[in-house]
C-alpha cells in the first residue's frame, strides 16, 4: 500500500474528519516533495526542521499553518511509520504567533444581517448558528432526530471536541423547525416513491444499521432542494445544504446590510458566546455550550468583553 494511502487508512481508523485527513495528506506530500521525493523513513529531525523553517522563512506562513504542517508530520511518523519524535527536541524557526481577537457583532448588527436575508433555509441556518452557538458544520449536519421538541433541546453528536452536548432550542425557532420537519417529511416520502430516499450515514452506523439510511429520523434537517450523486458511494441521495452555498448567501446579506466587518458564519458563534457573557452567563456554562475541551479556549471571550466595555476606557483627546 502506498504511503499516502496508509495515512488515509490510519486517519479513518482513528475517526479523524475528512478535512483533517485531506490536510495531513497535503502537508505530508509537500514534505516529501521538499526533500526530492525521499521516503520519510530516510528523513529525520534535521529534515523536519528544514521543512518547517522553509515554511516560516520562505513561504512566510502563519504560525497556525506551520503548526498544522508539524502536526501532520507528527501523525505520519508516530501513527503510520511507528517512529516517535517525542525525544527528538525538534527546533525550527517558528512563525510568529499572532494573537487575534475574534470579530464580534453587536445584537443590532446581528439583527441587521439577518433582516437582509430572505426568510428561507439559509436564514434559518444562520439563526440556528447564532441561536445555539454552533459551528457551520454542526448546523448543516443536524438530523431530524437531533431536534427534541418534547424537551425543547437540540443534541449535537460527536462534534469537533468528540463530546456530545445538549443545547436549548431558541424559542423563536421552534415553529420554523416544526414547519421544516413537516416539509422534509413530505419530500422524503416523495423520494422513497421515486426510488431514492437514502441519506449519508456515519461510517460505523452505516454498517451496524444497513437500512437506517432510509429512515426519516436520519434525514438532514437542512436538506437540499434536489437529489445529487454522492461522490463517495455513487448513490443518488439528498444531502444537506452545501457550506459554499450557505456562505455565498451570507456574503450577499452582509454586503446588503452595510455592516463593514469581516463576517463569516463563525462570527455568529463568536457573537453568541460574547452576548451570553455580557448577559451574565458564567464562563464554565459557556464552555459547555460551545463544546470547548479547554476553558482557556473559552476565556478569549472574557478579553473580548473587556475590550468592548467602555467603562474606564477613553481617549485623552476627548479630555482636551
C-alpha atoms as a PDB file:
ATOM      1  CA  UNK A   1       0.000   0.000   0.000  1.00  0.00           C
ATOM      2  CA  UNK A   2       1.325   3.452  -0.895  1.00  0.00           C
ATOM      3  CA  UNK A   3       2.353   5.750   1.945  1.00  0.00           C
ATOM      4  CA  UNK A   4      -0.409   8.339   1.413  1.00  0.00           C
ATOM      5  CA  UNK A   5      -2.977   5.543   1.246  1.00  0.00           C
ATOM      6  CA  UNK A   6      -1.669   4.321   4.603  1.00  0.00           C
ATOM      7  CA  UNK A   7      -2.136   7.830   6.005  1.00  0.00           C
ATOM      8  CA  UNK A   8      -5.706   7.869   4.725  1.00  0.00           C
ATOM      9  CA  UNK A   9      -6.499   4.458   6.235  1.00  0.00           C
ATOM     10  CA  UNK A  10      -4.987   5.437   9.600  1.00  0.00           C
ATOM     11  CA  UNK A  11      -6.986   8.687   9.697  1.00  0.00           C
ATOM     12  CA  UNK A  12     -10.204   6.783   9.129  1.00  0.00           C
ATOM     13  CA  UNK A  13      -9.257   4.151  11.691  1.00  0.00           C
ATOM     14  CA  UNK A  14      -8.769   6.914  14.282  1.00  0.00           C
ATOM     15  CA  UNK A  15     -12.047   8.592  13.210  1.00  0.00           C
ATOM     16  CA  UNK A  16     -10.440  11.819  12.037  1.00  0.00           C
ATOM     17  CA  UNK A  17     -12.630  14.054   9.873  1.00  0.00           C
ATOM     18  CA  UNK A  18     -12.263  14.139   6.105  1.00  0.00           C
ATOM     19  CA  UNK A  19     -10.890  17.679   6.358  1.00  0.00           C
ATOM     20  CA  UNK A  20      -8.178  16.532   8.781  1.00  0.00           C
ATOM     21  CA  UNK A  21      -7.335  13.611   6.510  1.00  0.00           C
ATOM     22  CA  UNK A  22      -7.029  15.891   3.472  1.00  0.00           C
ATOM     23  CA  UNK A  23      -4.888  18.393   5.414  1.00  0.00           C
ATOM     24  CA  UNK A  24      -2.493  15.732   6.686  1.00  0.00           C
ATOM     25  CA  UNK A  25      -2.079  14.243   3.209  1.00  0.00           C
ATOM     26  CA  UNK A  26      -1.455  17.719   1.748  1.00  0.00           C
ATOM     27  CA  UNK A  27       1.378  18.573   4.156  1.00  0.00           C
ATOM     28  CA  UNK A  28       2.951  15.119   4.049  1.00  0.00           C
ATOM     29  CA  UNK A  29       3.040  15.327   0.257  1.00  0.00           C
ATOM     30  CA  UNK A  30       4.631  18.808   0.479  1.00  0.00           C
ATOM     31  CA  UNK A  31       7.224  17.447   2.930  1.00  0.00           C
ATOM     32  CA  UNK A  32       8.166  14.570   0.628  1.00  0.00           C
ATOM     33  CA  UNK A  33       8.407  16.822  -2.430  1.00  0.00           C
ATOM     34  CA  UNK A  34      10.525  19.338  -0.495  1.00  0.00           C
ATOM     35  CA  UNK A  35      13.086  16.578   0.081  1.00  0.00           C
ATOM     36  CA  UNK A  36      13.143  15.393  -3.561  1.00  0.00           C
ATOM     37  CA  UNK A  37      10.640  12.562  -3.029  1.00  0.00           C
ATOM     38  CA  UNK A  38      12.724  10.727  -0.450  1.00  0.00           C
ATOM     39  CA  UNK A  39      10.808   8.316   1.754  1.00  0.00           C
ATOM     40  CA  UNK A  40      10.137   9.819   5.232  1.00  0.00           C
ATOM     41  CA  UNK A  41      11.863   6.809   6.820  1.00  0.00           C
ATOM     42  CA  UNK A  42      15.095   8.143   5.322  1.00  0.00           C
ATOM     43  CA  UNK A  43      14.433  11.576   6.821  1.00  0.00           C
ATOM     44  CA  UNK A  44      14.552  12.724  10.423  1.00  0.00           C
ATOM     45  CA  UNK A  45      14.954  15.624  12.826  1.00  0.00           C
ATOM     46  CA  UNK A  46      17.215  17.665  10.539  1.00  0.00           C
ATOM     47  CA  UNK A  47      14.897  17.353   7.526  1.00  0.00           C
ATOM     48  CA  UNK A  48      11.776  18.143   9.564  1.00  0.00           C
ATOM     49  CA  UNK A  49      13.404  21.284  10.960  1.00  0.00           C
ATOM     50  CA  UNK A  50      14.482  22.350   7.461  1.00  0.00           C
ATOM     51  CA  UNK A  51      10.957  21.947   6.134  1.00  0.00           C
ATOM     52  CA  UNK A  52       9.327  23.849   8.982  1.00  0.00           C
ATOM     53  CA  UNK A  53      11.909  26.633   8.747  1.00  0.00           C
ATOM     54  CA  UNK A  54      11.264  26.862   4.998  1.00  0.00           C
ATOM     55  CA  UNK A  55       7.555  27.369   5.690  1.00  0.00           C
ATOM     56  CA  UNK A  56       8.271  30.198   8.138  1.00  0.00           C
ATOM     57  CA  UNK A  57      11.090  31.998   6.283  1.00  0.00           C
ATOM     58  CA  UNK A  58      10.436  31.435   2.576  1.00  0.00           C
ATOM     59  CA  UNK A  59       6.703  30.882   2.406  1.00  0.00           C
ATOM     60  CA  UNK A  60       6.000  33.174   5.388  1.00  0.00           C
ATOM     61  CA  UNK A  61       3.065  31.082   6.560  1.00  0.00           C
ATOM     62  CA  UNK A  62       1.116  31.893   9.710  1.00  0.00           C
ATOM     63  CA  UNK A  63       2.047  30.139  12.949  1.00  0.00           C
ATOM     64  CA  UNK A  64      -1.187  28.144  12.854  1.00  0.00           C
ATOM     65  CA  UNK A  65      -0.350  26.894   9.351  1.00  0.00           C
ATOM     66  CA  UNK A  66       3.137  25.856  10.402  1.00  0.00           C
ATOM     67  CA  UNK A  67       1.710  24.044  13.432  1.00  0.00           C
ATOM     68  CA  UNK A  68      -0.746  22.307  11.132  1.00  0.00           C
ATOM     69  CA  UNK A  69       2.124  21.034   8.979  1.00  0.00           C
ATOM     70  CA  UNK A  70       4.062  19.945  12.085  1.00  0.00           C
ATOM     71  CA  UNK A  71       1.049  18.015  13.414  1.00  0.00           C
ATOM     72  CA  UNK A  72       0.748  16.256  10.064  1.00  0.00           C
ATOM     73  CA  UNK A  73       4.381  15.130  10.287  1.00  0.00           C
ATOM     74  CA  UNK A  74       3.959  14.011  13.893  1.00  0.00           C
ATOM     75  CA  UNK A  75       0.969  11.940  12.789  1.00  0.00           C
ATOM     76  CA  UNK A  76       2.951  10.448   9.891  1.00  0.00           C
ATOM     77  CA  UNK A  77       5.883   9.363  11.996  1.00  0.00           C
ATOM     78  CA  UNK A  78       4.028   8.189  15.088  1.00  0.00           C
ATOM     79  CA  UNK A  79       0.806   6.701  13.726  1.00  0.00           C
ATOM     80  CA  UNK A  80       1.874   5.487  10.278  1.00  0.00           C
ATOM     81  CA  UNK A  81       5.616   4.783  10.454  1.00  0.00           C
ATOM     82  CA  UNK A  82       5.725   3.905  14.156  1.00  0.00           C
ATOM     83  CA  UNK A  83       8.583   6.336  14.832  1.00  0.00           C
ATOM     84  CA  UNK A  84       8.318   8.559  17.903  1.00  0.00           C
ATOM     85  CA  UNK A  85       9.585  12.148  17.711  1.00  0.00           C
ATOM     86  CA  UNK A  86       8.954  12.947  21.371  1.00  0.00           C
ATOM     87  CA  UNK A  87      12.631  12.941  22.383  1.00  0.00           C
ATOM     88  CA  UNK A  88      13.950  14.462  19.166  1.00  0.00           C
ATOM     89  CA  UNK A  89      13.777  18.049  20.501  1.00  0.00           C
ATOM     90  CA  UNK A  90      12.888  19.450  17.089  1.00  0.00           C
ATOM     91  CA  UNK A  91      13.944  23.096  16.848  1.00  0.00           C
ATOM     92  CA  UNK A  92      12.867  25.013  13.794  1.00  0.00           C
ATOM     93  CA  UNK A  93      12.479  28.712  13.214  1.00  0.00           C
ATOM     94  CA  UNK A  94       8.832  29.079  14.127  1.00  0.00           C
ATOM     95  CA  UNK A  95       6.427  31.509  12.510  1.00  0.00           C
ATOM     96  CA  UNK A  96       5.429  34.324  14.850  1.00  0.00           C
ATOM     97  CA  UNK A  97       2.174  33.578  16.613  1.00  0.00           C
ATOM     98  CA  UNK A  98      -0.396  36.296  16.015  1.00  0.00           C
ATOM     99  CA  UNK A  99      -2.889  36.815  18.811  1.00  0.00           C
ATOM    100  CA  UNK A 100      -6.231  37.770  17.301  1.00  0.00           C
ATOM    101  CA  UNK A 101      -9.413  38.846  18.987  1.00  0.00           C
ATOM    102  CA  UNK A 102     -12.409  37.302  17.238  1.00  0.00           C
ATOM    103  CA  UNK A 103     -14.710  39.563  15.224  1.00  0.00           C
ATOM    104  CA  UNK A 104     -17.908  40.095  17.199  1.00  0.00           C
ATOM    105  CA  UNK A 105     -21.153  41.704  16.109  1.00  0.00           C
ATOM    106  CA  UNK A 106     -23.461  43.721  18.333  1.00  0.00           C
ATOM    107  CA  UNK A 107     -27.007  42.426  18.740  1.00  0.00           C
ATOM    108  CA  UNK A 108     -28.163  45.207  16.413  1.00  0.00           C
ATOM    109  CA  UNK A 109     -25.642  44.169  13.754  1.00  0.00           C
ATOM    110  CA  UNK A 110     -26.719  40.514  14.046  1.00  0.00           C
ATOM    111  CA  UNK A 111     -30.323  41.586  13.552  1.00  0.00           C
ATOM    112  CA  UNK A 112     -29.401  43.815  10.600  1.00  0.00           C
ATOM    113  CA  UNK A 113     -27.619  41.000   8.743  1.00  0.00           C
ATOM    114  CA  UNK A 114     -30.468  38.563   9.403  1.00  0.00           C
ATOM    115  CA  UNK A 115     -33.030  41.086   8.163  1.00  0.00           C
ATOM    116  CA  UNK A 116     -31.113  41.258   4.864  1.00  0.00           C
ATOM    117  CA  UNK A 117     -31.650  37.553   4.233  1.00  0.00           C
ATOM    118  CA  UNK A 118     -34.949  36.276   2.804  1.00  0.00           C
ATOM    119  CA  UNK A 119     -36.969  34.089   5.173  1.00  0.00           C
ATOM    120  CA  UNK A 120     -35.613  30.875   3.707  1.00  0.00           C
ATOM    121  CA  UNK A 121     -33.419  27.923   4.650  1.00  0.00           C
ATOM    122  CA  UNK A 122     -30.204  29.986   4.609  1.00  0.00           C
ATOM    123  CA  UNK A 123     -31.652  32.447   7.096  1.00  0.00           C
ATOM    124  CA  UNK A 124     -32.822  29.553   9.291  1.00  0.00           C
ATOM    125  CA  UNK A 125     -29.322  28.076   9.267  1.00  0.00           C
ATOM    126  CA  UNK A 126     -27.863  31.453  10.275  1.00  0.00           C
ATOM    127  CA  UNK A 127     -30.380  31.839  13.106  1.00  0.00           C
ATOM    128  CA  UNK A 128     -29.543  28.325  14.298  1.00  0.00           C
ATOM    129  CA  UNK A 129     -25.808  29.080  14.326  1.00  0.00           C
ATOM    130  CA  UNK A 130     -26.327  32.269  16.338  1.00  0.00           C
ATOM    131  CA  UNK A 131     -29.191  30.926  18.470  1.00  0.00           C
ATOM    132  CA  UNK A 132     -27.237  27.831  19.566  1.00  0.00           C
ATOM    133  CA  UNK A 133     -23.605  28.880  19.094  1.00  0.00           C
ATOM    134  CA  UNK A 134     -22.910  26.176  16.519  1.00  0.00           C
ATOM    135  CA  UNK A 135     -20.077  25.735  14.074  1.00  0.00           C
ATOM    136  CA  UNK A 136     -21.303  25.815  10.473  1.00  0.00           C
ATOM    137  CA  UNK A 137     -20.559  22.105  10.043  1.00  0.00           C
ATOM    138  CA  UNK A 138     -22.554  21.260  13.172  1.00  0.00           C
ATOM    139  CA  UNK A 139     -25.570  23.206  11.927  1.00  0.00           C
ATOM    140  CA  UNK A 140     -25.500  21.613   8.473  1.00  0.00           C
ATOM    141  CA  UNK A 141     -25.079  18.110   9.920  1.00  0.00           C
ATOM    142  CA  UNK A 142     -28.205  18.368  12.075  1.00  0.00           C
ATOM    143  CA  UNK A 143     -30.605  15.473  11.535  1.00  0.00           C
ATOM    144  CA  UNK A 144     -34.333  15.299  12.184  1.00  0.00           C
ATOM    145  CA  UNK A 145     -33.732  13.180  15.297  1.00  0.00           C
ATOM    146  CA  UNK A 146     -31.453  15.838  16.791  1.00  0.00           C
ATOM    147  CA  UNK A 147     -34.343  18.253  17.377  1.00  0.00           C
ATOM    148  CA  UNK A 148     -36.104  17.190  20.572  1.00  0.00           C
ATOM    149  CA  UNK A 149     -39.381  19.114  20.741  1.00  0.00           C
ATOM    150  CA  UNK A 150     -40.517  17.261  23.899  1.00  0.00           C
ATOM    151  CA  UNK A 151     -37.635  18.670  25.930  1.00  0.00           C
ATOM    152  CA  UNK A 152     -37.022  21.818  23.848  1.00  0.00           C
ATOM    153  CA  UNK A 153     -33.435  20.859  23.169  1.00  0.00           C
ATOM    154  CA  UNK A 154     -31.005  20.194  20.335  1.00  0.00           C
ATOM    155  CA  UNK A 155     -28.426  17.432  20.605  1.00  0.00           C
ATOM    156  CA  UNK A 156     -25.037  17.800  18.906  1.00  0.00           C
ATOM    157  CA  UNK A 157     -23.434  14.386  18.420  1.00  0.00           C
ATOM    158  CA  UNK A 158     -19.704  13.700  18.039  1.00  0.00           C
ATOM    159  CA  UNK A 159     -18.732  17.304  17.422  1.00  0.00           C
ATOM    160  CA  UNK A 160     -15.192  18.609  16.971  1.00  0.00           C
ATOM    161  CA  UNK A 161     -14.386  18.057  20.647  1.00  0.00           C
ATOM    162  CA  UNK A 162     -15.706  14.444  20.409  1.00  0.00           C
ATOM    163  CA  UNK A 163     -18.040  15.298  23.289  1.00  0.00           C
ATOM    164  CA  UNK A 164     -21.799  15.252  22.706  1.00  0.00           C
ATOM    165  CA  UNK A 165     -23.751  18.176  24.112  1.00  0.00           C
ATOM    166  CA  UNK A 166     -27.339  19.280  24.621  1.00  0.00           C
ATOM    167  CA  UNK A 167     -28.411  22.844  23.815  1.00  0.00           C
ATOM    168  CA  UNK A 168     -31.679  24.690  24.494  1.00  0.00           C
ATOM    169  CA  UNK A 169     -33.761  25.344  21.392  1.00  0.00           C
ATOM    170  CA  UNK A 170     -34.265  29.037  20.587  1.00  0.00           C
ATOM    171  CA  UNK A 171     -37.959  29.540  21.301  1.00  0.00           C
ATOM    172  CA  UNK A 172     -38.347  31.749  18.233  1.00  0.00           C
ATOM    173  CA  UNK A 173     -37.134  28.913  16.009  1.00  0.00           C
ATOM    174  CA  UNK A 174     -39.387  26.113  17.275  1.00  0.00           C
ATOM    175  CA  UNK A 175     -42.271  26.901  14.841  1.00  0.00           C
ATOM    176  CA  UNK A 176     -39.739  27.036  11.994  1.00  0.00           C
ATOM    177  CA  UNK A 177     -38.222  23.666  12.965  1.00  0.00           C
ATOM    178  CA  UNK A 178     -41.696  22.110  13.102  1.00  0.00           C
ATOM    179  CA  UNK A 179     -42.593  23.562   9.714  1.00  0.00           C
ATOM    180  CA  UNK A 180     -39.290  22.392   8.228  1.00  0.00           C
ATOM    181  CA  UNK A 181     -39.695  18.895   9.684  1.00  0.00           C
ATOM    182  CA  UNK A 182     -43.168  18.544   8.162  1.00  0.00           C
ATOM    183  CA  UNK A 183     -41.964  19.776   4.768  1.00  0.00           C
ATOM    184  CA  UNK A 184     -38.993  17.407   4.885  1.00  0.00           C
ATOM    185  CA  UNK A 185     -41.324  14.514   5.703  1.00  0.00           C
ATOM    186  CA  UNK A 186     -43.328  15.127   2.537  1.00  0.00           C
ATOM    187  CA  UNK A 187     -40.162  15.477   0.474  1.00  0.00           C
ATOM    188  CA  UNK A 188     -38.718  12.270   1.924  1.00  0.00           C
ATOM    189  CA  UNK A 189     -41.860  10.299   1.101  1.00  0.00           C
ATOM    190  CA  UNK A 190     -41.656  11.566  -2.476  1.00  0.00           C
ATOM    191  CA  UNK A 191     -38.015  10.478  -2.660  1.00  0.00           C
ATOM    192  CA  UNK A 192     -38.894   6.989  -1.432  1.00  0.00           C
ATOM    193  CA  UNK A 193     -41.585   6.649  -4.087  1.00  0.00           C
ATOM    194  CA  UNK A 194     -39.062   7.783  -6.684  1.00  0.00           C
ATOM    195  CA  UNK A 195     -36.588   5.088  -5.679  1.00  0.00           C
ATOM    196  CA  UNK A 196     -34.342   7.375  -3.638  1.00  0.00           C
ATOM    197  CA  UNK A 197     -34.720   8.466  -0.001  1.00  0.00           C
ATOM    198  CA  UNK A 198     -31.365   7.327   1.386  1.00  0.00           C
ATOM    199  CA  UNK A 199     -29.022   9.645   3.255  1.00  0.00           C
ATOM    200  CA  UNK A 200     -25.320   9.615   4.058  1.00  0.00           C
ATOM    201  CA  UNK A 201     -24.731   7.858   7.371  1.00  0.00           C
ATOM    202  CA  UNK A 202     -21.789   7.914   9.780  1.00  0.00           C
ATOM    203  CA  UNK A 203     -19.395   5.108   8.811  1.00  0.00           C
ATOM    204  CA  UNK A 204     -19.923   2.790  11.773  1.00  0.00           C
ATOM    205  CA  UNK A 205     -23.698   3.253  11.905  1.00  0.00           C
ATOM    206  CA  UNK A 206     -23.998   2.557   8.185  1.00  0.00           C
ATOM    207  CA  UNK A 207     -22.582  -0.914   8.815  1.00  0.00           C
ATOM    208  CA  UNK A 208     -24.472  -1.530  12.047  1.00  0.00           C
ATOM    209  CA  UNK A 209     -27.851  -0.395  10.705  1.00  0.00           C
ATOM    210  CA  UNK A 210     -27.753  -1.015   6.925  1.00  0.00           C
ATOM    211  CA  UNK A 211     -31.381   0.069   6.401  1.00  0.00           C
ATOM    212  CA  UNK A 212     -31.348   3.147   8.629  1.00  0.00           C
ATOM    213  CA  UNK A 213     -30.309   5.446   5.766  1.00  0.00           C
ATOM    214  CA  UNK A 214     -33.915   5.500   4.514  1.00  0.00           C
ATOM    215  CA  UNK A 215     -35.494   6.237   7.882  1.00  0.00           C
ATOM    216  CA  UNK A 216     -36.893   9.764   8.160  1.00  0.00           C
ATOM    217  CA  UNK A 217     -35.262  10.480  11.538  1.00  0.00           C
ATOM    218  CA  UNK A 218     -31.801  10.200   9.931  1.00  0.00           C
ATOM    219  CA  UNK A 219     -32.529  12.714   7.170  1.00  0.00           C
ATOM    220  CA  UNK A 220     -30.787  16.084   7.359  1.00  0.00           C
ATOM    221  CA  UNK A 221     -32.778  18.964   8.827  1.00  0.00           C
ATOM    222  CA  UNK A 222     -31.419  21.470   6.307  1.00  0.00           C
ATOM    223  CA  UNK A 223     -31.653  19.303   3.211  1.00  0.00           C
ATOM    224  CA  UNK A 224     -31.051  20.389  -0.377  1.00  0.00           C
ATOM    225  CA  UNK A 225     -33.879  21.023  -2.832  1.00  0.00           C
ATOM    226  CA  UNK A 226     -32.538  18.466  -5.299  1.00  0.00           C
ATOM    227  CA  UNK A 227     -31.079  14.984  -5.006  1.00  0.00           C
ATOM    228  CA  UNK A 228     -27.456  14.596  -6.101  1.00  0.00           C
ATOM    229  CA  UNK A 229     -24.802  11.937  -6.615  1.00  0.00           C
ATOM    230  CA  UNK A 230     -22.802  11.061  -3.513  1.00  0.00           C
ATOM    231  CA  UNK A 231     -19.121  11.300  -4.563  1.00  0.00           C
ATOM    232  CA  UNK A 232     -18.135   8.561  -2.081  1.00  0.00           C
ATOM    233  CA  UNK A 233     -20.781   5.917  -2.689  1.00  0.00           C
ATOM    234  CA  UNK A 234     -22.071   6.960  -6.103  1.00  0.00           C
ATOM    235  CA  UNK A 235     -25.659   6.757  -4.826  1.00  0.00           C
ATOM    236  CA  UNK A 236     -28.273   9.338  -5.758  1.00  0.00           C
ATOM    237  CA  UNK A 237     -29.473  10.848  -2.490  1.00  0.00           C
ATOM    238  CA  UNK A 238     -30.467  14.104  -0.806  1.00  0.00           C
ATOM    239  CA  UNK A 239     -27.595  15.802   1.011  1.00  0.00           C
ATOM    240  CA  UNK A 240     -27.616  18.807   3.329  1.00  0.00           C
ATOM    241  CA  UNK A 241     -27.106  22.382   2.115  1.00  0.00           C
ATOM    242  CA  UNK A 242     -23.516  22.878   0.969  1.00  0.00           C
ATOM    243  CA  UNK A 243     -21.252  25.133   3.081  1.00  0.00           C
ATOM    244  CA  UNK A 244     -20.242  27.064  -0.042  1.00  0.00           C
ATOM    245  CA  UNK A 245     -23.880  27.728  -0.973  1.00  0.00           C
ATOM    246  CA  UNK A 246     -24.686  28.986   2.509  1.00  0.00           C
ATOM    247  CA  UNK A 247     -21.556  31.165   2.632  1.00  0.00           C
ATOM    248  CA  UNK A 248     -22.443  32.743  -0.709  1.00  0.00           C
ATOM    249  CA  UNK A 249     -25.912  33.690   0.565  1.00  0.00           C
ATOM    250  CA  UNK A 250     -24.465  35.018   3.824  1.00  0.00           C
ATOM    251  CA  UNK A 251     -21.959  37.158   1.915  1.00  0.00           C
ATOM    252  CA  UNK A 252     -24.755  38.707  -0.143  1.00  0.00           C
ATOM    253  CA  UNK A 253     -26.672  39.544   3.043  1.00  0.00           C
ATOM    254  CA  UNK A 254     -23.593  41.090   4.675  1.00  0.00           C
ATOM    255  CA  UNK A 255     -22.965  43.313   1.643  1.00  0.00           C
ATOM    256  CA  UNK A 256     -26.598  44.367   1.610  1.00  0.00           C
ATOM    257  CA  UNK A 257     -26.572  45.088   5.356  1.00  0.00           C
ATOM    258  CA  UNK A 258     -23.740  47.602   5.142  1.00  0.00           C
ATOM    259  CA  UNK A 259     -22.061  46.150   8.243  1.00  0.00           C
ATOM    260  CA  UNK A 260     -18.398  46.775   7.496  1.00  0.00           C
ATOM    261  CA  UNK A 261     -16.777  43.918   9.371  1.00  0.00           C
ATOM    262  CA  UNK A 262     -15.126  40.716   8.214  1.00  0.00           C
ATOM    263  CA  UNK A 263     -18.068  38.384   8.725  1.00  0.00           C
ATOM    264  CA  UNK A 264     -18.263  34.613   8.277  1.00  0.00           C
ATOM    265  CA  UNK A 265     -20.598  32.008   9.717  1.00  0.00           C
ATOM    266  CA  UNK A 266     -18.191  31.581  12.653  1.00  0.00           C
ATOM    267  CA  UNK A 267     -18.594  35.268  13.529  1.00  0.00           C
ATOM    268  CA  UNK A 268     -22.105  34.448  14.763  1.00  0.00           C
ATOM    269  CA  UNK A 269     -20.743  31.702  17.041  1.00  0.00           C
ATOM    270  CA  UNK A 270     -18.294  34.245  18.496  1.00  0.00           C
ATOM    271  CA  UNK A 271     -21.148  36.728  18.911  1.00  0.00           C
ATOM    272  CA  UNK A 272     -23.299  34.092  20.657  1.00  0.00           C
ATOM    273  CA  UNK A 273     -20.604  33.447  23.267  1.00  0.00           C
ATOM    274  CA  UNK A 274     -19.859  37.145  23.770  1.00  0.00           C
ATOM    275  CA  UNK A 275     -23.507  38.113  24.176  1.00  0.00           C
ATOM    276  CA  UNK A 276     -24.063  35.314  26.719  1.00  0.00           C
ATOM    277  CA  UNK A 277     -21.063  36.527  28.700  1.00  0.00           C
ATOM    278  CA  UNK A 278     -22.304  40.112  28.583  1.00  0.00           C
ATOM    279  CA  UNK A 279     -25.684  38.882  29.864  1.00  0.00           C
ATOM    280  CA  UNK A 280     -24.025  37.354  32.939  1.00  0.00           C
ATOM    281  CA  UNK A 281     -23.731  33.677  31.934  1.00  0.00           C
ATOM    282  CA  UNK A 282     -20.744  32.117  33.721  1.00  0.00           C
ATOM    283  CA  UNK A 283     -17.735  31.088  31.670  1.00  0.00           C
ATOM    284  CA  UNK A 284     -17.986  27.368  32.568  1.00  0.00           C
ATOM    285  CA  UNK A 285     -21.527  27.186  31.216  1.00  0.00           C
ATOM    286  CA  UNK A 286     -20.443  28.908  28.009  1.00  0.00           C
ATOM    287  CA  UNK A 287     -17.593  26.410  27.675  1.00  0.00           C
ATOM    288  CA  UNK A 288     -20.093  23.538  27.850  1.00  0.00           C
ATOM    289  CA  UNK A 289     -22.486  25.191  25.403  1.00  0.00           C
ATOM    290  CA  UNK A 290     -19.691  25.773  22.871  1.00  0.00           C
ATOM    291  CA  UNK A 291     -18.225  22.302  23.330  1.00  0.00           C
ATOM    292  CA  UNK A 292     -14.708  23.528  24.088  1.00  0.00           C
ATOM    293  CA  UNK A 293     -12.316  20.954  25.556  1.00  0.00           C
ATOM    294  CA  UNK A 294     -10.294  23.594  27.363  1.00  0.00           C
ATOM    295  CA  UNK A 295     -11.535  26.526  29.421  1.00  0.00           C
ATOM    296  CA  UNK A 296      -8.572  28.500  28.073  1.00  0.00           C
ATOM    297  CA  UNK A 297     -10.175  28.462  24.618  1.00  0.00           C
ATOM    298  CA  UNK A 298     -13.377  29.960  26.010  1.00  0.00           C
ATOM    299  CA  UNK A 299     -11.506  32.585  28.040  1.00  0.00           C
ATOM    300  CA  UNK A 300     -10.788  34.571  24.856  1.00  0.00           C
ATOM    301  CA  UNK A 301     -14.348  35.896  25.133  1.00  0.00           C
ATOM    302  CA  UNK A 302     -13.613  37.477  28.511  1.00  0.00           C
ATOM    303  CA  UNK A 303     -10.918  39.510  26.727  1.00  0.00           C
ATOM    304  CA  UNK A 304     -13.416  40.445  24.018  1.00  0.00           C
ATOM    305  CA  UNK A 305     -15.981  41.644  26.560  1.00  0.00           C
ATOM    306  CA  UNK A 306     -13.315  43.647  28.369  1.00  0.00           C
ATOM    307  CA  UNK A 307     -12.256  45.240  25.083  1.00  0.00           C
ATOM    308  CA  UNK A 308     -15.870  46.068  24.219  1.00  0.00           C
ATOM    309  CA  UNK A 309     -16.586  47.622  27.592  1.00  0.00           C
ATOM    310  CA  UNK A 310     -16.469  51.414  27.535  1.00  0.00           C
ATOM    311  CA  UNK A 311     -16.018  51.700  31.287  1.00  0.00           C
ATOM    312  CA  UNK A 312     -12.635  53.082  32.373  1.00  0.00           C
ATOM    313  CA  UNK A 313     -11.595  53.472  28.735  1.00  0.00           C
ATOM    314  CA  UNK A 314     -11.237  56.785  26.994  1.00  0.00           C
ATOM    315  CA  UNK A 315      -9.079  58.778  24.597  1.00  0.00           C
ATOM    316  CA  UNK A 316      -7.020  61.647  26.036  1.00  0.00           C
ATOM    317  CA  UNK A 317      -8.112  63.693  23.015  1.00  0.00           C
ATOM    318  CA  UNK A 318     -11.623  63.804  24.460  1.00  0.00           C
ATOM    319  CA  UNK A 319     -10.269  65.484  27.588  1.00  0.00           C
ATOM    320  CA  UNK A 320      -8.834  68.499  25.765  1.00  0.00           C
END
